[in-house]
């Protein structure tokens, strides 16, 4: 139902990523407000998660734009390709880099995040780049045309995307990983070992318990070597920084908006300044243990929630059952609910792996009387999201899940089923 407030009210959204664009579309559905979306990076919204496929040549730029260019005018959403230099919160105005001043009634900060650099000596060298947006992609494309060898810093999903990209150009690649196994904060050791084997089969070199200390550059300013914490010197012509991202706070870091690691918001995604909201990668959830959620689907949910609240509907943010999906080259990865890489006192897990070490299923459950299921970790096995989320949300016991496991199987006509194998593991343990 559309709000009855004055249609002349102006909502400005800074940032045209998934959170900002979802908010704009939600506001248009709920109101007749004037809506302006401002982004200095790019005029149109695009899927950041698909950037890798531009480099691989599998998609073109127009293929990663979820909406046609006519969509915005048709829905009366003004797009401004401009940088915001300053926000005057008391006057409710923005000053653009061009000097133009824009007034707003309500403001959404959806400024996203940026690659986390950690002040390594030599990080300013040519050929040292993060991988977050189209500008990064263009720089990576130019730098890797030189060929040579690459170093990737960080053991997460961005590192694997970069490794696959570089592998497609036959560039020798080494990943420096701080933890003792791959993606140590998210993957249990058995699954991490499967990923390690797959990456090494693809020719990717992995150095565990290894961090970057500094970078060296040649006489022309290009990176030429990385020095590790073991003082090993590794020659390279490209360095990809994959140490995660951090909220982009440039616009608010010296202002009256309350921040810590991100922009602090309440359950309605409103900041300490009335009528100013924040959503997406830049928002820090003060009501939820100061969590910062830098995932595509949470950005979408936060954008929708912010849209409702900007229109006066008072909708608290609810993430729902956590999930994630990714690919490690051709190794598909899915998680639903609780994913603990280490054994703890409250949870246990049922784990199955095929003989070839190319597929696995892990079902996490509480150490209570019912063995209440809390999460799933899947490699090269697809389960239906709605089924897994329902089981977790309804706190189904492990016995129930095992009896109904076939209901979760995704498209059994095209994907091999493993219910009998994991049910055998379950019965053997009981």
Protein backbone atom coordinates (compact mmCIF):
# COMPACT_ATOMS: atom_id res chain seq x y z
CA UNK A 1 0.00 0.00 0.00
CA UNK A 2 1.45 3.36 -1.01
CA UNK A 3 2.21 5.94 1.65
CA UNK A 4 -0.05 8.98 1.69
CA UNK A 5 2.81 11.38 2.43
CA UNK A 6 3.53 14.29 0.10
CA UNK A 7 4.90 13.06 -3.23
CA UNK A 8 7.12 16.13 -3.40
CA UNK A 9 9.39 14.66 -0.70
CA UNK A 10 12.83 13.87 -2.04
CA UNK A 11 14.74 10.69 -1.14
CA UNK A 12 18.40 10.58 -2.11
CA UNK A 13 20.28 7.29 -2.13
CA UNK A 14 24.07 7.42 -2.24
CA UNK A 15 25.29 4.22 -3.87
CA UNK A 16 23.80 2.13 -6.67
CA UNK A 17 24.77 -1.35 -5.50
CA UNK A 18 22.30 -4.05 -4.54
CA UNK A 19 21.23 -2.32 -1.30
CA UNK A 20 20.71 1.12 -2.82
CA UNK A 21 18.91 -0.09 -5.92
CA UNK A 22 16.65 -2.48 -3.99
CA UNK A 23 15.74 0.38 -1.67
CA UNK A 24 14.92 2.65 -4.63
CA UNK A 25 12.66 0.04 -6.23
CA UNK A 26 10.95 -0.68 -2.89
CA UNK A 27 10.35 3.03 -2.24
CA UNK A 28 8.83 3.40 -5.71
CA UNK A 29 6.45 0.50 -5.03
CA UNK A 30 5.38 2.05 -1.73
CA UNK A 31 5.30 5.78 -2.51
CA UNK A 32 5.31 8.61 -4.99
CA UNK A 33 8.45 10.17 -3.51
CA UNK A 34 10.99 11.75 -5.81
CA UNK A 35 13.93 9.33 -5.86
CA UNK A 36 17.50 10.11 -6.85
CA UNK A 37 20.24 7.47 -6.86
CA UNK A 38 23.78 8.88 -6.97
CA UNK A 39 26.94 6.92 -7.79
CA UNK A 40 30.35 8.18 -8.83
CA UNK A 41 31.57 4.72 -9.77
CA UNK A 42 29.13 3.79 -12.52
CA UNK A 43 25.89 5.13 -13.96
CA UNK A 44 23.99 1.86 -13.85
CA UNK A 45 23.57 -0.94 -11.35
CA UNK A 46 25.42 -4.15 -12.22
CA UNK A 47 26.00 -7.53 -10.55
CA UNK A 48 29.40 -7.36 -8.85
CA UNK A 49 29.26 -11.11 -8.29
CA UNK A 50 29.50 -11.61 -12.08
CA UNK A 51 32.60 -9.47 -12.71
CA UNK A 52 34.82 -12.54 -12.97
CA UNK A 53 32.89 -13.71 -16.02
CA UNK A 54 33.70 -10.49 -17.90
CA UNK A 55 37.39 -11.25 -17.48
CA UNK A 56 36.84 -14.86 -18.55
CA UNK A 57 35.04 -13.65 -21.67
CA UNK A 58 31.88 -15.57 -20.79
CA UNK A 59 29.72 -12.45 -20.36
CA UNK A 60 29.65 -8.89 -21.64
CA UNK A 61 28.90 -5.79 -19.56
CA UNK A 62 25.29 -5.57 -20.75
CA UNK A 63 24.77 -9.14 -19.54
CA UNK A 64 25.50 -8.23 -15.91
CA UNK A 65 23.03 -5.34 -15.71
CA UNK A 66 19.86 -6.80 -14.11
CA UNK A 67 17.71 -3.95 -15.47
CA UNK A 68 17.49 -2.42 -18.92
CA UNK A 69 18.49 1.24 -19.18
CA UNK A 70 14.86 2.32 -19.84
CA UNK A 71 13.75 0.80 -16.51
CA UNK A 72 14.84 3.76 -14.41
CA UNK A 73 13.03 6.49 -16.30
CA UNK A 74 9.97 4.26 -16.64
CA UNK A 75 9.86 3.94 -12.85
CA UNK A 76 10.68 7.58 -12.18
CA UNK A 77 14.02 6.85 -10.51
CA UNK A 78 16.61 9.49 -11.38
CA UNK A 79 20.17 8.24 -11.80
CA UNK A 80 23.04 10.67 -11.24
CA UNK A 81 26.56 9.66 -12.24
CA UNK A 82 28.45 11.92 -9.83
CA UNK A 83 30.63 11.92 -6.73
CA UNK A 84 29.34 13.34 -3.47
CA UNK A 85 31.98 15.49 -1.77
CA UNK A 86 30.17 16.38 1.43
CA UNK A 87 26.92 15.91 3.34
CA UNK A 88 25.48 18.75 5.42
CA UNK A 89 23.16 16.85 7.73
CA UNK A 90 21.73 19.87 9.54
CA UNK A 91 20.79 21.55 6.27
CA UNK A 92 19.80 18.23 4.63
CA UNK A 93 21.93 18.91 1.58
CA UNK A 94 24.62 17.17 -0.46
CA UNK A 95 27.47 18.94 -2.22
CA UNK A 96 28.61 17.17 -5.37
CA UNK A 97 32.13 17.25 -6.76
CA UNK A 98 30.84 19.58 -9.49
CA UNK A 99 29.80 22.10 -6.81
CA UNK A 100 26.10 21.44 -7.31
CA UNK A 101 23.98 21.28 -4.14
CA UNK A 102 21.09 18.83 -3.77
CA UNK A 103 18.47 18.97 -1.02
CA UNK A 104 16.86 15.87 0.46
CA UNK A 105 14.09 15.02 2.91
CA UNK A 106 15.31 11.48 3.59
CA UNK A 107 18.73 10.01 2.90
CA UNK A 108 20.00 6.45 2.49
CA UNK A 109 23.71 5.78 2.74
CA UNK A 110 24.49 2.69 0.68
CA UNK A 111 28.15 3.49 0.04
CA UNK A 112 29.28 -0.13 0.00
CA UNK A 113 32.76 -1.27 0.87
CA UNK A 114 36.30 -1.27 -0.47
CA UNK A 115 39.22 -3.67 -0.53
CA UNK A 116 40.99 -3.88 2.83
CA UNK A 117 44.65 -2.88 2.42
CA UNK A 118 46.87 -3.14 5.49
CA UNK A 119 49.62 -0.58 4.85
CA UNK A 120 52.15 -3.01 3.44
CA UNK A 121 55.31 -1.29 2.27
CA UNK A 122 55.17 -1.13 -1.52
CA UNK A 123 51.38 -1.61 -1.82
CA UNK A 124 51.22 1.54 -3.97
CA UNK A 125 53.21 -0.23 -6.72
CA UNK A 126 51.71 -0.62 -10.15
CA UNK A 127 50.10 -4.03 -10.59
CA UNK A 128 48.78 -4.26 -7.02
CA UNK A 129 44.99 -4.32 -7.00
CA UNK A 130 41.93 -5.41 -5.09
CA UNK A 131 38.91 -6.91 -6.83
CA UNK A 132 35.67 -5.16 -5.94
CA UNK A 133 34.29 -3.15 -8.86
CA UNK A 134 34.54 -2.42 -12.57
CA UNK A 135 37.44 -0.05 -12.08
CA UNK A 136 39.39 -2.80 -10.30
CA UNK A 137 38.57 -5.19 -13.13
CA UNK A 138 39.91 -2.75 -15.74
CA UNK A 139 43.14 -2.35 -13.77
CA UNK A 140 43.52 -6.12 -13.39
CA UNK A 141 42.93 -6.59 -17.10
CA UNK A 142 45.68 -4.09 -17.93
CA UNK A 143 48.16 -5.38 -15.34
CA UNK A 144 47.81 -9.05 -16.26
CA UNK A 145 48.41 -8.40 -19.94
CA UNK A 146 52.06 -8.33 -18.94
CA UNK A 147 51.90 -12.06 -18.14
CA UNK A 148 54.48 -13.28 -15.65
CA UNK A 149 53.62 -14.58 -12.18
CA UNK A 150 50.92 -13.59 -9.72
CA UNK A 151 50.66 -13.48 -5.93
CA UNK A 152 47.25 -13.43 -4.24
CA UNK A 153 47.00 -12.35 -0.61
CA UNK A 154 44.14 -13.88 1.35
CA UNK A 155 42.41 -17.24 1.64
CA UNK A 156 38.75 -16.51 0.87
CA UNK A 157 36.32 -16.43 -2.03
CA UNK A 158 37.86 -13.38 -3.73
CA UNK A 159 41.21 -15.16 -3.89
CA UNK A 160 39.66 -18.17 -5.63
CA UNK A 161 37.86 -15.93 -8.15
CA UNK A 162 41.12 -14.20 -8.97
CA UNK A 163 42.93 -17.54 -9.18
CA UNK A 164 40.41 -18.85 -11.70
CA UNK A 165 40.70 -15.65 -13.73
CA UNK A 166 44.49 -15.81 -13.82
CA UNK A 167 44.45 -19.54 -14.55
CA UNK A 168 42.40 -18.79 -17.67
CA UNK A 169 45.34 -16.67 -18.94
CA UNK A 170 47.95 -19.30 -17.98
CA UNK A 171 49.46 -17.01 -15.34
CA UNK A 172 51.36 -18.92 -12.65
CA UNK A 173 49.59 -18.12 -9.36
CA UNK A 174 50.48 -18.46 -5.67
CA UNK A 175 48.06 -17.73 -2.83
CA UNK A 176 49.34 -16.59 0.56
CA UNK A 177 46.98 -17.92 3.26
CA UNK A 178 47.28 -16.81 6.88
CA UNK A 179 45.46 -19.83 8.34
CA UNK A 180 46.56 -23.45 8.57
CA UNK A 181 43.91 -24.43 6.03
CA UNK A 182 41.90 -22.74 3.32
CA UNK A 183 39.19 -20.24 4.42
CA UNK A 184 39.87 -21.12 8.04
CA UNK A 185 37.09 -18.97 9.52
CA UNK A 186 34.37 -20.57 7.39
CA UNK A 187 35.28 -24.08 6.22
CA UNK A 188 35.72 -27.18 8.41
CA UNK A 189 39.07 -28.86 7.84
CA UNK A 190 37.74 -31.78 5.79
CA UNK A 191 36.04 -29.48 3.28
CA UNK A 192 39.02 -27.14 3.25
CA UNK A 193 41.23 -30.09 2.33
CA UNK A 194 38.93 -30.90 -0.61
CA UNK A 195 39.23 -27.32 -1.84
CA UNK A 196 43.01 -27.40 -1.39
CA UNK A 197 43.32 -30.52 -3.53
CA UNK A 198 41.12 -29.05 -6.25
CA UNK A 199 43.08 -25.80 -6.39
CA UNK A 200 46.40 -27.64 -6.54
CA UNK A 201 45.05 -29.90 -9.28
CA UNK A 202 44.45 -26.70 -11.25
CA UNK A 203 48.07 -25.69 -10.73
CA UNK A 204 47.48 -23.07 -8.04
CA UNK A 205 50.27 -22.89 -5.42
CA UNK A 206 49.06 -22.53 -1.81
CA UNK A 207 51.29 -21.30 1.02
CA UNK A 208 49.62 -21.76 4.41
CA UNK A 209 50.49 -19.89 7.60
CA UNK A 210 51.97 -17.29 5.30
CA UNK A 211 51.36 -13.55 5.27
CA UNK A 212 52.59 -10.61 3.22
CA UNK A 213 55.24 -8.41 4.79
CA UNK A 214 56.15 -6.07 1.95
CA UNK A 215 56.28 -5.61 -1.79
CA UNK A 216 59.19 -4.64 -3.99
CA UNK A 217 58.97 -2.66 -7.22
CA UNK A 218 61.18 -2.27 -10.27
CA UNK A 219 62.65 0.93 -11.67
CA UNK A 220 59.38 1.72 -13.49
CA UNK A 221 57.26 1.35 -10.36
CA UNK A 222 55.77 -2.07 -11.18
CA UNK A 223 55.59 -4.69 -8.46
CA UNK A 224 58.34 -7.27 -8.95
CA UNK A 225 58.40 -9.36 -5.75
CA UNK A 226 56.57 -10.18 -2.52
CA UNK A 227 58.33 -10.73 0.80
CA UNK A 228 56.53 -13.10 3.20
CA UNK A 229 56.58 -13.37 7.00
CA UNK A 230 59.18 -16.14 6.52
CA UNK A 231 61.33 -13.62 4.63
CA UNK A 232 60.89 -15.62 1.45
CA UNK A 233 61.14 -13.49 -1.68
CA UNK A 234 58.67 -14.50 -4.39
CA UNK A 235 59.09 -12.81 -7.79
CA UNK A 236 55.81 -11.60 -9.33
CA UNK A 237 54.36 -9.17 -11.86
CA UNK A 238 50.87 -8.90 -10.33
CA UNK A 239 49.53 -8.91 -6.76
CA UNK A 240 45.84 -9.39 -6.02
CA UNK A 241 44.67 -8.23 -2.59
CA UNK A 242 41.94 -10.59 -1.38
CA UNK A 243 42.03 -9.87 2.36
CA UNK A 244 38.35 -8.97 2.48
CA UNK A 245 36.55 -5.63 2.34
CA UNK A 246 35.82 -2.84 4.80
CA UNK A 247 32.91 -0.36 4.90
CA UNK A 248 33.39 2.76 2.82
CA UNK A 249 33.08 5.57 5.39
CA UNK A 250 34.81 8.42 3.55
CA UNK A 251 31.68 10.57 3.44
CA UNK A 252 30.83 10.25 7.13
CA UNK A 253 34.07 9.63 9.01
CA UNK A 254 34.43 13.25 10.16
CA UNK A 255 30.75 14.07 10.55
CA UNK A 256 28.01 13.66 13.11
CA UNK A 257 26.98 10.14 12.04
CA UNK A 258 27.88 7.53 14.65
CA UNK A 259 30.35 4.97 13.30
CA UNK A 260 32.62 2.24 14.53
CA UNK A 261 33.75 -0.21 11.87
CA UNK A 262 30.67 0.75 9.85
CA UNK A 263 27.76 3.18 10.02
CA UNK A 264 25.81 2.30 13.17
CA UNK A 265 22.12 1.62 12.62
CA UNK A 266 19.19 0.43 14.72
CA UNK A 267 16.83 -2.42 13.86
CA UNK A 268 15.03 -0.16 11.38
CA UNK A 269 18.38 0.66 9.71
CA UNK A 270 18.17 4.28 10.83
CA UNK A 271 21.28 6.09 12.03
CA UNK A 272 21.55 8.41 15.04
CA UNK A 273 20.36 11.23 12.75
CA UNK A 274 16.59 11.11 12.08
CA UNK A 275 15.60 10.42 8.45
CA UNK A 276 19.12 9.21 7.61
CA UNK A 277 19.43 5.48 6.99
CA UNK A 278 22.23 3.10 6.03
CA UNK A 279 22.12 -0.33 4.37
CA UNK A 280 24.39 -2.89 2.76
CA UNK A 281 28.14 -3.33 3.15
CA UNK A 282 28.58 -0.01 4.98
CA UNK A 283 25.99 -0.65 7.72
CA UNK A 284 26.96 -1.92 11.18
CA UNK A 285 24.03 -3.51 13.00
CA UNK A 286 24.23 -2.05 16.51
CA UNK A 287 21.26 -4.19 17.61
CA UNK A 288 22.85 -7.46 16.40
CA UNK A 289 26.26 -7.65 18.08
CA UNK A 290 27.57 -4.94 15.73
CA UNK A 291 27.51 -7.35 12.83
CA UNK A 292 28.50 -6.13 9.36
CA UNK A 293 26.95 -8.21 6.58
CA UNK A 294 28.83 -7.95 3.31
CA UNK A 295 26.93 -10.53 1.28
CA UNK A 296 24.82 -9.98 -1.83
CA UNK A 297 21.57 -11.39 -0.45
CA UNK A 298 21.78 -9.51 2.87
CA UNK A 299 22.37 -6.30 0.92
CA UNK A 300 19.14 -6.97 -0.95
CA UNK A 301 17.17 -7.65 2.25
CA UNK A 302 18.62 -4.59 3.97
CA UNK A 303 17.79 -2.43 0.94
CA UNK A 304 14.19 -3.62 0.97
CA UNK A 305 13.93 -3.08 4.74
CA UNK A 306 15.37 0.43 4.45
CA UNK A 307 12.88 1.18 1.69
CA UNK A 308 9.95 0.22 3.90
CA UNK A 309 11.22 2.31 6.80
CA UNK A 310 11.96 5.34 4.65
CA UNK A 311 8.28 5.14 3.65
CA UNK A 312 7.24 5.05 7.32
CA UNK A 313 6.27 1.39 7.62
CA UNK A 314 8.44 0.53 10.68
CA UNK A 315 9.77 -2.86 9.55
CA UNK A 316 12.63 -4.33 11.62
CA UNK A 317 15.50 -5.94 9.74
CA UNK A 318 15.54 -9.73 9.85
CA UNK A 319 18.25 -11.61 8.05
CA UNK A 320 16.56 -15.00 8.29
CA UNK A 321 18.48 -18.26 8.07
CA UNK A 322 22.03 -17.47 6.85
CA UNK A 323 23.11 -19.01 3.55
CA UNK A 324 25.99 -18.73 1.13
CA UNK A 325 27.02 -20.23 -2.17
CA UNK A 326 30.17 -20.09 -4.26
CA UNK A 327 32.38 -22.03 -6.67
CA UNK A 328 35.98 -23.09 -6.20
CA UNK A 329 36.68 -23.55 -9.91
CA UNK A 330 34.22 -26.41 -10.64
CA UNK A 331 33.66 -27.34 -6.97
CA UNK A 332 30.25 -26.00 -5.94
CA UNK A 333 29.76 -24.84 -2.35
CA UNK A 334 26.55 -24.20 -0.39
CA UNK A 335 25.85 -23.50 3.27
CA UNK A 336 22.64 -23.02 5.21
CA UNK A 337 22.41 -22.02 8.86
CA UNK A 338 25.21 -22.60 11.36
CA UNK A 339 28.65 -23.30 9.91
CA UNK A 340 31.36 -23.79 12.52
CA UNK A 341 34.82 -24.62 11.16
CA UNK A 342 35.93 -25.91 14.56
CA UNK A 343 34.37 -28.47 16.89
CA UNK A 344 32.64 -26.78 19.86
CA UNK A 345 30.90 -27.81 23.05
CA UNK A 346 27.37 -27.10 21.82
CA UNK A 347 27.31 -28.66 18.35
CA UNK A 348 28.32 -31.81 16.57
CA UNK A 349 28.04 -32.86 12.92
CA UNK A 350 27.29 -35.78 10.66
CA UNK A 351 29.77 -35.88 7.80
CA UNK A 352 29.89 -37.89 4.57
CA UNK A 353 32.39 -37.70 1.74
CA UNK A 354 32.49 -39.74 -1.46
CA UNK A 355 35.46 -42.00 -2.20
CA UNK A 356 36.85 -39.69 -4.87
CA UNK A 357 36.91 -36.75 -2.45
CA UNK A 358 34.89 -34.62 -4.86
CA UNK A 359 31.60 -34.32 -2.96
CA UNK A 360 30.59 -34.04 0.70
CA UNK A 361 27.62 -33.41 2.97
CA UNK A 362 27.84 -32.09 6.53
CA UNK A 363 24.78 -31.70 8.74
CA UNK A 364 25.38 -29.75 11.94
CA UNK A 365 23.18 -30.35 14.99
CA UNK A 366 22.98 -29.43 18.65
CA UNK A 367 24.15 -31.80 21.35
CA UNK A 368 20.67 -31.86 22.85
CA UNK A 369 18.28 -34.75 23.30
CA UNK A 370 16.68 -34.26 19.88
CA UNK A 371 19.91 -33.47 18.04
CA UNK A 372 18.29 -30.35 16.60
CA UNK A 373 19.64 -29.59 13.12
CA UNK A 374 21.32 -26.18 12.85
CA UNK A 375 23.11 -26.13 9.50
CA UNK A 376 24.31 -27.74 6.27
CA UNK A 377 27.66 -27.55 4.46
CA UNK A 378 27.63 -28.99 0.93
CA UNK A 379 30.36 -29.45 -1.66
CA UNK A 380 29.30 -30.56 -5.16
CA UNK A 381 25.89 -31.52 -3.76
CA UNK A 382 22.84 -29.31 -4.22
CA UNK A 383 20.05 -29.09 -1.65
CA UNK A 384 16.92 -26.98 -1.94
CA UNK A 385 17.27 -23.75 -0.02
CA UNK A 386 13.63 -23.54 1.06
CA UNK A 387 13.70 -27.09 2.47
CA UNK A 388 16.93 -26.63 4.45
CA UNK A 389 15.82 -23.25 5.80
CA UNK A 390 12.47 -24.67 6.88
CA UNK A 391 14.12 -27.54 8.76
CA UNK A 392 16.47 -25.14 10.53
CA UNK A 393 13.78 -22.58 11.31
CA UNK A 394 11.40 -25.26 12.63
CA UNK A 395 14.21 -26.86 14.65
CA UNK A 396 13.75 -30.32 13.17
CA UNK A 397 15.65 -33.16 14.88
CA UNK A 398 18.38 -35.02 13.00
CA UNK A 399 16.28 -38.18 12.85
CA UNK A 400 13.49 -36.32 11.04
CA UNK A 401 15.93 -34.76 8.55
CA UNK A 402 17.49 -38.13 7.77
CA UNK A 403 14.08 -39.67 7.08
CA UNK A 404 13.11 -36.82 4.76
CA UNK A 405 16.50 -36.10 3.18
CA UNK A 406 15.29 -36.85 -0.35
CA UNK A 407 12.98 -33.82 -0.12
CA UNK A 408 16.05 -31.55 -0.09
CA UNK A 409 17.63 -33.08 -3.18
CA UNK A 410 17.92 -30.53 -5.98
CA UNK A 411 16.72 -31.62 -9.41
CA UNK A 412 17.32 -35.39 -8.97
CA UNK A 413 17.03 -35.94 -12.73
CA UNK A 414 20.34 -34.16 -13.35
CA UNK A 415 22.19 -34.46 -10.03
CA UNK A 416 23.33 -37.66 -8.40
CA UNK A 417 21.59 -38.43 -5.13
CA UNK A 418 23.55 -39.35 -2.00
CA UNK A 419 20.80 -39.94 0.57
CA UNK A 420 21.56 -43.63 1.01
CA UNK A 421 25.26 -42.98 1.62
CA UNK A 422 24.79 -40.38 4.32
CA UNK A 423 21.91 -42.35 5.88
CA UNK A 424 24.31 -45.28 6.17
CA UNK A 425 26.78 -43.01 8.01
CA UNK A 426 23.96 -41.88 10.30
CA UNK A 427 22.85 -45.43 11.12
CA UNK A 428 26.45 -46.53 11.71
CA UNK A 429 26.83 -43.80 14.33
CA UNK A 430 23.64 -44.70 16.12
